N, C-alpha and C. Protein backbone atom coordinates (compact mmCIF):
# COMPACT_ATOMS: atom_id res chain seq x y z
N MET A 1 43.11 -46.46 63.21
CA MET A 1 42.89 -46.28 61.80
C MET A 1 42.70 -44.80 61.51
N ARG A 2 43.25 -44.35 60.41
CA ARG A 2 43.20 -42.94 60.02
C ARG A 2 42.72 -42.86 58.58
N GLU A 3 41.62 -42.12 58.36
CA GLU A 3 41.02 -42.04 57.04
C GLU A 3 40.86 -40.58 56.62
N LEU A 4 41.26 -40.28 55.39
CA LEU A 4 41.12 -38.94 54.85
C LEU A 4 39.64 -38.60 54.67
N VAL A 5 39.22 -37.46 55.22
CA VAL A 5 37.83 -37.03 55.12
C VAL A 5 37.68 -35.94 54.07
N GLY A 6 38.63 -35.02 54.02
CA GLY A 6 38.57 -33.92 53.06
C GLY A 6 39.68 -32.93 53.34
N GLN A 7 39.50 -31.71 52.82
CA GLN A 7 40.50 -30.66 53.01
C GLN A 7 39.87 -29.45 53.69
N CYS A 8 40.69 -28.73 54.44
CA CYS A 8 40.26 -27.51 55.11
C CYS A 8 39.85 -26.49 54.05
N SER A 9 38.69 -25.88 54.23
CA SER A 9 38.20 -24.90 53.26
C SER A 9 38.96 -23.58 53.36
N VAL A 10 39.77 -23.40 54.41
CA VAL A 10 40.53 -22.16 54.59
C VAL A 10 41.95 -22.31 54.07
N CYS A 11 42.69 -23.32 54.57
CA CYS A 11 44.12 -23.44 54.23
C CYS A 11 44.44 -24.61 53.30
N GLY A 12 43.49 -25.52 53.08
CA GLY A 12 43.71 -26.64 52.18
C GLY A 12 44.37 -27.85 52.80
N LYS A 13 44.65 -27.81 54.11
CA LYS A 13 45.28 -28.94 54.80
C LYS A 13 44.35 -30.15 54.79
N ASP A 14 44.91 -31.35 54.64
CA ASP A 14 44.12 -32.58 54.70
C ASP A 14 43.56 -32.78 56.10
N ILE A 15 42.30 -33.19 56.18
CA ILE A 15 41.64 -33.46 57.45
C ILE A 15 41.30 -34.94 57.50
N PHE A 16 41.64 -35.57 58.62
CA PHE A 16 41.46 -37.01 58.78
C PHE A 16 40.47 -37.31 59.89
N CYS A 17 39.92 -38.50 59.83
CA CYS A 17 39.15 -39.09 60.93
C CYS A 17 40.07 -40.17 61.51
N ALA A 18 40.43 -40.00 62.77
CA ALA A 18 41.35 -40.94 63.41
C ALA A 18 40.61 -41.67 64.53
N ASP A 19 40.45 -42.97 64.37
CA ASP A 19 39.78 -43.81 65.37
C ASP A 19 38.41 -43.26 65.74
N GLY A 20 37.68 -42.74 64.76
CA GLY A 20 36.33 -42.25 64.99
C GLY A 20 36.22 -40.79 65.39
N PHE A 21 37.34 -40.09 65.48
CA PHE A 21 37.33 -38.69 65.88
C PHE A 21 37.79 -37.81 64.72
N LEU A 22 36.97 -36.82 64.36
CA LEU A 22 37.29 -35.89 63.29
C LEU A 22 38.35 -34.91 63.76
N GLU A 23 39.43 -34.79 63.01
CA GLU A 23 40.52 -33.88 63.36
C GLU A 23 40.27 -32.51 62.74
N GLY A 24 39.09 -31.98 62.98
CA GLY A 24 38.68 -30.69 62.46
C GLY A 24 37.26 -30.41 62.92
N VAL A 25 36.63 -29.42 62.30
CA VAL A 25 35.25 -29.08 62.64
C VAL A 25 34.45 -28.91 61.35
N ILE A 26 33.14 -29.02 61.50
CA ILE A 26 32.24 -28.75 60.39
C ILE A 26 31.57 -27.42 60.70
N ARG A 27 31.76 -26.45 59.82
CA ARG A 27 31.18 -25.12 60.02
C ARG A 27 29.67 -25.15 59.79
N GLU A 28 29.00 -24.08 60.16
CA GLU A 28 27.55 -23.98 59.97
C GLU A 28 27.16 -24.12 58.50
N ASP A 29 28.06 -23.68 57.59
CA ASP A 29 27.78 -23.79 56.16
C ASP A 29 28.21 -25.15 55.59
N LYS A 30 28.48 -26.10 56.51
CA LYS A 30 28.82 -27.50 56.18
C LYS A 30 30.19 -27.67 55.52
N GLN A 31 31.08 -26.70 55.66
CA GLN A 31 32.44 -26.79 55.14
C GLN A 31 33.36 -27.32 56.23
N LEU A 32 34.36 -28.11 55.84
CA LEU A 32 35.35 -28.62 56.79
C LEU A 32 36.40 -27.56 57.07
N GLU A 33 36.87 -27.55 58.31
CA GLU A 33 37.92 -26.63 58.70
C GLU A 33 38.86 -27.35 59.66
N CYS A 34 40.17 -27.20 59.46
CA CYS A 34 41.14 -27.85 60.36
C CYS A 34 41.08 -27.18 61.73
N LEU A 35 41.63 -27.84 62.73
CA LEU A 35 41.58 -27.31 64.09
C LEU A 35 42.32 -25.99 64.22
N THR A 36 43.43 -25.84 63.53
CA THR A 36 44.21 -24.60 63.59
C THR A 36 43.39 -23.41 63.08
N CYS A 37 42.75 -23.58 61.95
CA CYS A 37 41.93 -22.49 61.38
C CYS A 37 40.69 -22.24 62.22
N SER A 38 40.08 -23.29 62.75
CA SER A 38 38.86 -23.11 63.55
C SER A 38 39.16 -22.40 64.86
N GLU A 39 40.34 -22.61 65.44
CA GLU A 39 40.72 -21.90 66.65
C GLU A 39 40.82 -20.41 66.37
N GLY A 40 41.34 -20.05 65.23
CA GLY A 40 41.43 -18.64 64.85
C GLY A 40 40.06 -18.02 64.68
N ARG A 41 39.11 -18.78 64.13
CA ARG A 41 37.74 -18.27 63.94
C ARG A 41 37.03 -18.10 65.27
N SER A 42 37.20 -19.05 66.18
CA SER A 42 36.50 -18.96 67.46
C SER A 42 37.05 -17.80 68.29
N GLU A 43 38.33 -17.45 68.14
CA GLU A 43 38.91 -16.33 68.86
C GLU A 43 38.36 -15.00 68.36
N THR A 44 37.89 -14.96 67.12
CA THR A 44 37.33 -13.73 66.57
C THR A 44 35.85 -13.60 66.90
N GLY A 45 35.28 -14.60 67.56
CA GLY A 45 33.89 -14.54 67.95
C GLY A 45 32.92 -15.11 66.94
N LEU A 46 33.41 -15.65 65.84
CA LEU A 46 32.52 -16.26 64.85
C LEU A 46 32.03 -17.59 65.39
N ARG A 47 30.79 -17.90 65.16
CA ARG A 47 30.16 -19.10 65.71
C ARG A 47 30.47 -20.32 64.86
N LEU A 48 30.85 -21.40 65.53
CA LEU A 48 31.09 -22.68 64.88
C LEU A 48 29.94 -23.61 65.22
N GLU A 49 29.69 -24.58 64.36
CA GLU A 49 28.61 -25.53 64.62
C GLU A 49 28.86 -26.29 65.92
N THR A 50 30.10 -26.53 66.28
CA THR A 50 30.42 -27.26 67.50
C THR A 50 30.04 -26.46 68.74
N ASP A 51 29.86 -25.13 68.61
CA ASP A 51 29.46 -24.31 69.75
C ASP A 51 28.04 -24.60 70.20
N THR A 52 27.25 -25.26 69.36
CA THR A 52 25.85 -25.50 69.69
C THR A 52 25.64 -26.77 70.51
N PHE A 53 26.68 -27.56 70.71
CA PHE A 53 26.55 -28.82 71.44
C PHE A 53 26.68 -28.60 72.93
């Protein structure tokens, strides 16, 4: 099952939850970001909420 969760706050791409897995990340400021944009942020050294797990 695939359900629309929201849109990427950077590029506007739709982000889905597929079989219980979020196809993106939630930033520290609680904004959704797609995996493509989040990979770019992590390469620049900016901290993502997922880094704390």
